[in-house]
Amino acid sequence: MSITVNGIDELKKLAGSDLGTSEWIEVTQERINTFADATGDHQWIHVDPEKAAEGPFGAPIAHGYLTLSLFIPLFTELLDVEGVSTKVNYGLNKVRFPSPVKVGSRIRLVAKLADVEDVPGGVQITVDGAIEIEGGAKPAAVLQSLSRFYA
């Protein structure tokens, strides 16, 4: 369920709020292969199902950065900011990958709007997020993301 705010003033009122949980998405071998092609990272642990089945995880796993890249589509399910001219990713304060995402797994995002601070022309938000693996004891990724919204 998405939270929609209109403008920077409404966004500021959400500081400290839980944003909820996104829908589950499946991480398929096709998605992993497409990411490998886009980045040039064709390590066997990701793209060779037969060899990966004999490896340390018993199956191919998603690239950590593939999991991280899915933050944005998952996040946009949770928060929609209208009434601004520009939305940009500003960076990350920290990222960890506690657990690998095996092919065929489903992941989702749980997020909190930790902070909203003024910057010239707009605001910068800090989002604390965890990308969970369905049935997993540990998250696939834990991160703190920064985005900017300009009036």
N, C-alpha and C. Protein backbone atom coordinates (compact mmCIF):
# COMPACT_ATOMS: atom_id res chain seq x y z
N MET A 1 0.83 -1.17 0.00
CA MET A 1 0.00 0.00 0.00
C MET A 1 0.88 1.24 0.00
N SER A 2 0.68 2.12 -0.94
CA SER A 2 1.50 3.30 -1.10
C SER A 2 0.97 4.47 -0.28
N ILE A 3 1.91 5.24 0.26
CA ILE A 3 1.60 6.50 0.91
C ILE A 3 1.87 7.58 -0.13
N THR A 4 0.91 8.45 -0.36
CA THR A 4 1.09 9.54 -1.31
C THR A 4 1.07 10.86 -0.55
N VAL A 5 2.07 11.68 -0.81
CA VAL A 5 2.11 13.02 -0.22
C VAL A 5 2.20 14.03 -1.36
N ASN A 6 1.69 15.21 -1.10
CA ASN A 6 1.72 16.27 -2.09
C ASN A 6 2.64 17.38 -1.60
N GLY A 7 3.85 17.37 -2.12
CA GLY A 7 4.79 18.43 -1.82
C GLY A 7 5.70 18.16 -0.64
N ILE A 8 6.64 19.04 -0.52
CA ILE A 8 7.70 18.90 0.48
C ILE A 8 7.17 19.05 1.90
N ASP A 9 6.23 19.96 2.14
CA ASP A 9 5.71 20.15 3.50
C ASP A 9 5.04 18.88 4.01
N GLU A 10 4.26 18.21 3.16
CA GLU A 10 3.64 16.95 3.58
C GLU A 10 4.68 15.87 3.80
N LEU A 11 5.72 15.84 2.97
CA LEU A 11 6.79 14.87 3.13
C LEU A 11 7.49 15.04 4.48
N LYS A 12 7.73 16.28 4.87
CA LYS A 12 8.39 16.56 6.15
C LYS A 12 7.60 16.00 7.33
N LYS A 13 6.28 16.01 7.23
CA LYS A 13 5.43 15.50 8.30
C LYS A 13 5.57 13.99 8.49
N LEU A 14 6.11 13.29 7.49
CA LEU A 14 6.27 11.83 7.58
C LEU A 14 7.58 11.40 8.26
N ALA A 15 8.46 12.35 8.55
CA ALA A 15 9.75 12.00 9.16
C ALA A 15 9.55 11.12 10.38
N GLY A 16 10.28 10.04 10.44
CA GLY A 16 10.18 9.10 11.55
C GLY A 16 9.13 8.02 11.37
N SER A 17 8.40 8.07 10.28
CA SER A 17 7.29 7.13 10.06
C SER A 17 7.73 5.84 9.38
N ASP A 18 7.08 4.76 9.77
CA ASP A 18 7.21 3.51 9.02
C ASP A 18 6.47 3.67 7.71
N LEU A 19 7.10 3.24 6.63
CA LEU A 19 6.48 3.34 5.31
C LEU A 19 5.78 2.05 4.91
N GLY A 20 6.01 0.99 5.66
CA GLY A 20 5.33 -0.26 5.38
C GLY A 20 6.19 -1.26 4.65
N THR A 21 5.51 -2.16 3.97
CA THR A 21 6.15 -3.30 3.32
C THR A 21 5.66 -3.40 1.88
N SER A 22 6.58 -3.59 0.96
CA SER A 22 6.23 -3.73 -0.45
C SER A 22 5.66 -5.12 -0.72
N GLU A 23 5.20 -5.32 -1.94
CA GLU A 23 4.81 -6.65 -2.40
C GLU A 23 6.06 -7.49 -2.62
N TRP A 24 5.89 -8.79 -2.66
CA TRP A 24 6.98 -9.71 -2.97
C TRP A 24 7.27 -9.67 -4.46
N ILE A 25 8.56 -9.77 -4.83
CA ILE A 25 8.92 -9.99 -6.22
C ILE A 25 9.87 -11.18 -6.29
N GLU A 26 9.76 -11.95 -7.36
CA GLU A 26 10.61 -13.12 -7.53
C GLU A 26 11.90 -12.73 -8.24
N VAL A 27 12.99 -13.28 -7.75
CA VAL A 27 14.29 -13.08 -8.40
C VAL A 27 14.56 -14.32 -9.25
N THR A 28 14.35 -14.16 -10.54
CA THR A 28 14.47 -15.28 -11.48
C THR A 28 15.89 -15.38 -12.05
N GLN A 29 16.17 -16.53 -12.63
CA GLN A 29 17.46 -16.68 -13.32
C GLN A 29 17.56 -15.71 -14.49
N GLU A 30 16.45 -15.47 -15.16
CA GLU A 30 16.46 -14.51 -16.28
C GLU A 30 16.86 -13.11 -15.80
N ARG A 31 16.32 -12.68 -14.66
CA ARG A 31 16.66 -11.37 -14.11
C ARG A 31 18.15 -11.32 -13.76
N ILE A 32 18.65 -12.38 -13.16
CA ILE A 32 20.07 -12.46 -12.79
C ILE A 32 20.94 -12.39 -14.05
N ASN A 33 20.58 -13.16 -15.08
CA ASN A 33 21.35 -13.16 -16.32
C ASN A 33 21.34 -11.79 -17.00
N THR A 34 20.18 -11.14 -16.98
CA THR A 34 20.07 -9.81 -17.58
C THR A 34 20.96 -8.82 -16.84
N PHE A 35 20.98 -8.90 -15.52
CA PHE A 35 21.86 -8.03 -14.72
C PHE A 35 23.32 -8.33 -15.03
N ALA A 36 23.66 -9.61 -15.15
CA ALA A 36 25.04 -9.99 -15.48
C ALA A 36 25.44 -9.40 -16.83
N ASP A 37 24.54 -9.47 -17.81
CA ASP A 37 24.83 -8.90 -19.12
C ASP A 37 25.01 -7.38 -19.05
N ALA A 38 24.19 -6.73 -18.25
CA ALA A 38 24.26 -5.27 -18.14
C ALA A 38 25.54 -4.81 -17.45
N THR A 39 26.04 -5.59 -16.51
CA THR A 39 27.20 -5.17 -15.71
C THR A 39 28.50 -5.85 -16.12
N GLY A 40 28.41 -6.91 -16.92
CA GLY A 40 29.61 -7.66 -17.29
C GLY A 40 30.09 -8.60 -16.20
N ASP A 41 29.29 -8.80 -15.16
CA ASP A 41 29.65 -9.70 -14.05
C ASP A 41 28.99 -11.05 -14.28
N HIS A 42 29.73 -11.95 -14.93
CA HIS A 42 29.21 -13.28 -15.28
C HIS A 42 29.81 -14.38 -14.40
N GLN A 43 30.10 -14.05 -13.14
CA GLN A 43 30.66 -15.06 -12.24
C GLN A 43 29.73 -16.26 -12.18
N TRP A 44 30.30 -17.45 -12.15
CA TRP A 44 29.53 -18.70 -12.22
C TRP A 44 28.51 -18.83 -11.10
N ILE A 45 28.78 -18.26 -9.94
CA ILE A 45 27.86 -18.38 -8.81
C ILE A 45 26.50 -17.75 -9.13
N HIS A 46 26.49 -16.87 -10.13
CA HIS A 46 25.26 -16.21 -10.55
C HIS A 46 24.63 -16.82 -11.80
N VAL A 47 25.44 -17.18 -12.78
CA VAL A 47 24.90 -17.48 -14.12
C VAL A 47 25.06 -18.93 -14.58
N ASP A 48 25.72 -19.77 -13.81
CA ASP A 48 25.89 -21.18 -14.19
C ASP A 48 25.14 -22.08 -13.20
N PRO A 49 23.85 -22.36 -13.49
CA PRO A 49 23.04 -23.12 -12.53
C PRO A 49 23.63 -24.48 -12.15
N GLU A 50 24.23 -25.19 -13.09
CA GLU A 50 24.79 -26.51 -12.78
C GLU A 50 25.97 -26.40 -11.82
N LYS A 51 26.91 -25.53 -12.13
CA LYS A 51 28.07 -25.35 -11.25
C LYS A 51 27.65 -24.75 -9.91
N ALA A 52 26.74 -23.79 -9.94
CA ALA A 52 26.28 -23.14 -8.70
C ALA A 52 25.56 -24.13 -7.79
N ALA A 53 24.88 -25.12 -8.37
CA ALA A 53 24.20 -26.14 -7.56
C ALA A 53 25.19 -26.92 -6.71
N GLU A 54 26.42 -27.01 -7.17
CA GLU A 54 27.47 -27.71 -6.42
C GLU A 54 28.28 -26.75 -5.55
N GLY A 55 27.97 -25.46 -5.61
CA GLY A 55 28.72 -24.45 -4.86
C GLY A 55 28.22 -24.30 -3.43
N PRO A 56 28.70 -23.28 -2.73
CA PRO A 56 28.42 -23.12 -1.31
C PRO A 56 26.96 -22.83 -0.96
N PHE A 57 26.14 -22.38 -1.93
CA PHE A 57 24.75 -22.04 -1.63
C PHE A 57 23.75 -23.02 -2.21
N GLY A 58 24.23 -23.98 -2.99
CA GLY A 58 23.37 -25.02 -3.54
C GLY A 58 22.50 -24.57 -4.70
N ALA A 59 22.68 -23.34 -5.16
CA ALA A 59 21.90 -22.80 -6.27
C ALA A 59 22.56 -21.49 -6.69
N PRO A 60 22.21 -20.99 -7.88
CA PRO A 60 22.70 -19.66 -8.24
C PRO A 60 22.14 -18.61 -7.29
N ILE A 61 22.92 -17.56 -7.07
CA ILE A 61 22.47 -16.46 -6.22
C ILE A 61 22.52 -15.16 -7.02
N ALA A 62 21.66 -14.23 -6.62
CA ALA A 62 21.64 -12.91 -7.24
C ALA A 62 22.88 -12.13 -6.83
N HIS A 63 23.34 -11.28 -7.71
CA HIS A 63 24.40 -10.34 -7.37
C HIS A 63 23.90 -9.46 -6.22
N GLY A 64 24.77 -9.12 -5.29
CA GLY A 64 24.37 -8.20 -4.22
C GLY A 64 23.86 -6.88 -4.78
N TYR A 65 24.53 -6.41 -5.83
CA TYR A 65 24.12 -5.13 -6.41
C TYR A 65 22.83 -5.23 -7.20
N LEU A 66 22.48 -6.42 -7.67
CA LEU A 66 21.15 -6.61 -8.25
C LEU A 66 20.10 -6.44 -7.16
N THR A 67 20.31 -7.09 -6.04
CA THR A 67 19.38 -6.95 -4.91
C THR A 67 19.26 -5.48 -4.52
N LEU A 68 20.39 -4.79 -4.42
CA LEU A 68 20.37 -3.38 -4.06
C LEU A 68 19.61 -2.55 -5.10
N SER A 69 19.80 -2.86 -6.39
CA SER A 69 19.13 -2.09 -7.44
C SER A 69 17.62 -2.24 -7.38
N LEU A 70 17.13 -3.31 -6.79
CA LEU A 70 15.69 -3.51 -6.68
C LEU A 70 15.06 -2.65 -5.58
N PHE A 71 15.89 -1.98 -4.80
CA PHE A 71 15.38 -1.07 -3.77
C PHE A 71 14.43 -0.04 -4.38
N ILE A 72 14.82 0.58 -5.49
CA ILE A 72 14.01 1.67 -6.06
C ILE A 72 12.63 1.19 -6.49
N PRO A 73 12.49 0.13 -7.30
CA PRO A 73 11.12 -0.27 -7.66
C PRO A 73 10.30 -0.72 -6.44
N LEU A 74 10.95 -1.33 -5.46
CA LEU A 74 10.23 -1.72 -4.25
C LEU A 74 9.83 -0.48 -3.44
N PHE A 75 10.74 0.49 -3.34
CA PHE A 75 10.47 1.71 -2.57
C PHE A 75 9.34 2.52 -3.19
N THR A 76 9.29 2.58 -4.51
CA THR A 76 8.23 3.37 -5.15
C THR A 76 6.85 2.79 -4.91
N GLU A 77 6.78 1.54 -4.48
CA GLU A 77 5.49 0.98 -4.05
C GLU A 77 5.04 1.58 -2.72
N LEU A 78 5.99 2.07 -1.94
CA LEU A 78 5.69 2.51 -0.57
C LEU A 78 5.42 4.00 -0.45
N LEU A 79 6.14 4.81 -1.23
CA LEU A 79 6.01 6.26 -1.08
C LEU A 79 5.98 6.92 -2.45
N ASP A 80 4.97 7.75 -2.65
CA ASP A 80 4.84 8.54 -3.87
C ASP A 80 4.79 10.00 -3.47
N VAL A 81 5.76 10.77 -3.95
CA VAL A 81 5.81 12.20 -3.64
C VAL A 81 5.41 12.96 -4.89
N GLU A 82 4.26 13.60 -4.81
CA GLU A 82 3.76 14.42 -5.91
C GLU A 82 4.05 15.87 -5.60
N GLY A 83 3.88 16.74 -6.60
CA GLY A 83 4.03 18.16 -6.37
C GLY A 83 5.46 18.62 -6.21
N VAL A 84 6.41 17.84 -6.74
CA VAL A 84 7.82 18.25 -6.75
C VAL A 84 8.29 18.22 -8.21
N SER A 85 9.34 18.98 -8.50
CA SER A 85 9.80 19.04 -9.89
C SER A 85 10.76 17.93 -10.24
N THR A 86 11.55 17.49 -9.27
CA THR A 86 12.61 16.52 -9.55
C THR A 86 12.80 15.60 -8.36
N LYS A 87 13.05 14.32 -8.67
CA LYS A 87 13.37 13.31 -7.65
C LYS A 87 14.67 12.64 -8.08
N VAL A 88 15.67 12.61 -7.19
CA VAL A 88 16.94 11.99 -7.55
C VAL A 88 17.48 11.14 -6.41
N ASN A 89 18.14 10.05 -6.79
CA ASN A 89 18.90 9.27 -5.82
C ASN A 89 20.14 10.09 -5.47
N TYR A 90 20.45 10.17 -4.19
CA TYR A 90 21.61 10.96 -3.78
C TYR A 90 22.76 10.07 -3.31
N GLY A 91 22.44 8.84 -2.91
CA GLY A 91 23.50 7.93 -2.49
C GLY A 91 23.06 7.02 -1.36
N LEU A 92 24.05 6.42 -0.76
CA LEU A 92 23.82 5.48 0.34
C LEU A 92 24.79 5.80 1.47
N ASN A 93 24.29 5.70 2.69
CA ASN A 93 25.19 5.84 3.83
C ASN A 93 25.83 4.51 4.19
N LYS A 94 25.06 3.44 4.09
CA LYS A 94 25.61 2.13 4.40
C LYS A 94 24.76 1.05 3.74
N VAL A 95 25.43 -0.05 3.41
CA VAL A 95 24.77 -1.20 2.81
C VAL A 95 25.48 -2.46 3.30
N ARG A 96 24.70 -3.46 3.64
CA ARG A 96 25.23 -4.78 3.98
C ARG A 96 24.36 -5.83 3.31
N PHE A 97 24.98 -6.97 2.99
CA PHE A 97 24.26 -8.09 2.37
C PHE A 97 24.37 -9.32 3.28
N PRO A 98 23.55 -9.39 4.34
CA PRO A 98 23.67 -10.48 5.31
C PRO A 98 23.37 -11.87 4.78
N SER A 99 22.53 -11.97 3.75
CA SER A 99 22.14 -13.29 3.27
C SER A 99 21.98 -13.27 1.74
N PRO A 100 22.49 -14.31 1.05
CA PRO A 100 22.35 -14.35 -0.40
C PRO A 100 20.91 -14.64 -0.82
N VAL A 101 20.56 -14.14 -2.00
CA VAL A 101 19.24 -14.39 -2.57
C VAL A 101 19.39 -15.48 -3.62
N LYS A 102 18.87 -16.66 -3.31
CA LYS A 102 18.94 -17.77 -4.26
C LYS A 102 17.92 -17.56 -5.38
N VAL A 103 18.27 -18.04 -6.56
CA VAL A 103 17.36 -17.95 -7.69
C VAL A 103 16.01 -18.57 -7.30
N GLY A 104 14.94 -17.91 -7.71
CA GLY A 104 13.60 -18.38 -7.38
C GLY A 104 13.06 -17.84 -6.07
N SER A 105 13.90 -17.16 -5.29
CA SER A 105 13.45 -16.57 -4.03
C SER A 105 12.58 -15.35 -4.30
N ARG A 106 11.77 -15.02 -3.31
CA ARG A 106 10.98 -13.79 -3.39
C ARG A 106 11.50 -12.84 -2.32
N ILE A 107 11.57 -11.56 -2.71
CA ILE A 107 12.06 -10.53 -1.79
C ILE A 107 11.04 -9.39 -1.70
N ARG A 108 11.14 -8.63 -0.61
CA ARG A 108 10.31 -7.44 -0.44
C ARG A 108 11.08 -6.44 0.42
N LEU A 109 10.60 -5.21 0.42
CA LEU A 109 11.23 -4.15 1.19
C LEU A 109 10.37 -3.75 2.37
N VAL A 110 11.01 -3.58 3.51
CA VAL A 110 10.41 -2.96 4.69
C VAL A 110 11.20 -1.67 4.92
N ALA A 111 10.50 -0.53 5.03
CA ALA A 111 11.22 0.74 5.09
C ALA A 111 10.63 1.71 6.10
N LYS A 112 11.51 2.59 6.56
CA LYS A 112 11.15 3.66 7.48
C LYS A 112 11.75 4.96 6.96
N LEU A 113 10.98 6.03 6.98
CA LEU A 113 11.49 7.35 6.62
C LEU A 113 12.18 7.92 7.86
N ALA A 114 13.47 7.70 7.94
CA ALA A 114 14.21 8.04 9.15
C ALA A 114 14.37 9.54 9.36
N ASP A 115 14.55 10.29 8.26
CA ASP A 115 14.81 11.71 8.42
C ASP A 115 14.44 12.46 7.14
N VAL A 116 14.04 13.71 7.31
CA VAL A 116 13.81 14.64 6.20
C VAL A 116 14.51 15.93 6.60
N GLU A 117 15.48 16.34 5.79
CA GLU A 117 16.21 17.57 6.12
C GLU A 117 16.24 18.50 4.92
N ASP A 118 16.25 19.78 5.21
CA ASP A 118 16.29 20.79 4.16
C ASP A 118 17.64 20.80 3.47
N VAL A 119 17.60 20.97 2.14
CA VAL A 119 18.78 21.21 1.31
C VAL A 119 18.40 22.35 0.38
N PRO A 120 19.36 23.03 -0.21
CA PRO A 120 19.01 24.13 -1.11
C PRO A 120 18.04 23.68 -2.22
N GLY A 121 16.87 24.29 -2.25
CA GLY A 121 15.88 24.01 -3.28
C GLY A 121 14.95 22.85 -3.00
N GLY A 122 15.13 22.18 -1.84
CA GLY A 122 14.27 21.04 -1.56
C GLY A 122 14.59 20.36 -0.25
N VAL A 123 14.44 19.02 -0.23
CA VAL A 123 14.74 18.23 0.96
C VAL A 123 15.50 16.97 0.57
N GLN A 124 16.21 16.47 1.55
CA GLN A 124 16.88 15.17 1.42
C GLN A 124 16.24 14.23 2.43
N ILE A 125 15.86 13.04 1.95
CA ILE A 125 15.29 12.06 2.87
C ILE A 125 16.30 10.94 3.10
N THR A 126 16.25 10.41 4.30
CA THR A 126 17.03 9.23 4.66
C THR A 126 16.05 8.11 4.93
N VAL A 127 16.21 7.01 4.22
CA VAL A 127 15.32 5.86 4.37
C VAL A 127 16.12 4.68 4.89
N ASP A 128 15.68 4.11 6.00
CA ASP A 128 16.25 2.87 6.51
C ASP A 128 15.44 1.72 5.92
N GLY A 129 16.12 0.82 5.23
CA GLY A 129 15.42 -0.27 4.58
C GLY A 129 16.04 -1.62 4.82
N ALA A 130 15.20 -2.64 4.78
CA ALA A 130 15.66 -4.03 4.82
C ALA A 130 14.94 -4.77 3.70
N ILE A 131 15.72 -5.42 2.85
CA ILE A 131 15.15 -6.26 1.81
C ILE A 131 15.12 -7.67 2.36
N GLU A 132 13.93 -8.15 2.62
CA GLU A 132 13.73 -9.45 3.24
C GLU A 132 13.61 -10.54 2.17
N ILE A 133 13.99 -11.74 2.56
CA ILE A 133 13.82 -12.93 1.72
C ILE A 133 12.69 -13.74 2.33
N GLU A 134 11.72 -14.10 1.53
CA GLU A 134 10.58 -14.87 2.03
C GLU A 134 11.09 -16.15 2.70
N GLY A 135 10.73 -16.34 3.95
CA GLY A 135 11.14 -17.52 4.71
C GLY A 135 12.56 -17.47 5.23
N GLY A 136 13.27 -16.39 4.99
CA GLY A 136 14.67 -16.28 5.40
C GLY A 136 14.82 -15.75 6.82
N ALA A 137 15.85 -16.23 7.50
CA ALA A 137 16.12 -15.77 8.87
C ALA A 137 16.80 -14.41 8.89
N LYS A 138 17.56 -14.10 7.83
CA LYS A 138 18.27 -12.83 7.74
C LYS A 138 17.84 -12.11 6.46
N PRO A 139 17.90 -10.78 6.47
CA PRO A 139 17.56 -10.05 5.24
C PRO A 139 18.65 -10.22 4.18
N ALA A 140 18.26 -9.97 2.94
CA ALA A 140 19.21 -10.00 1.82
C ALA A 140 20.07 -8.75 1.85
N ALA A 141 19.47 -7.63 2.22
CA ALA A 141 20.20 -6.36 2.27
C ALA A 141 19.62 -5.48 3.37
N VAL A 142 20.50 -4.75 4.00
CA VAL A 142 20.11 -3.73 4.98
C VAL A 142 20.81 -2.46 4.51
N LEU A 143 20.05 -1.38 4.38
CA LEU A 143 20.64 -0.19 3.78
C LEU A 143 20.04 1.08 4.33
N GLN A 144 20.79 2.15 4.11
CA GLN A 144 20.30 3.50 4.40
C GLN A 144 20.49 4.30 3.12
N SER A 145 19.38 4.68 2.52
CA SER A 145 19.35 5.36 1.23
C SER A 145 19.04 6.84 1.38
N LEU A 146 19.66 7.65 0.53
CA LEU A 146 19.41 9.08 0.51
C LEU A 146 18.81 9.47 -0.84
N SER A 147 17.75 10.25 -0.80
CA SER A 147 17.13 10.78 -2.02
C SER A 147 16.84 12.26 -1.80
N ARG A 148 16.79 12.98 -2.92
CA ARG A 148 16.46 14.40 -2.83
C ARG A 148 15.22 14.69 -3.68
N PHE A 149 14.42 15.58 -3.15
CA PHE A 149 13.20 16.03 -3.82
C PHE A 149 13.29 17.55 -3.91
N TYR A 150 13.13 18.06 -5.12
CA TYR A 150 13.24 19.49 -5.34
C TYR A 150 11.89 20.09 -5.68
N ALA A 151 11.63 21.30 -5.13
CA ALA A 151 10.35 21.99 -5.34
C ALA A 151 10.16 22.36 -6.80
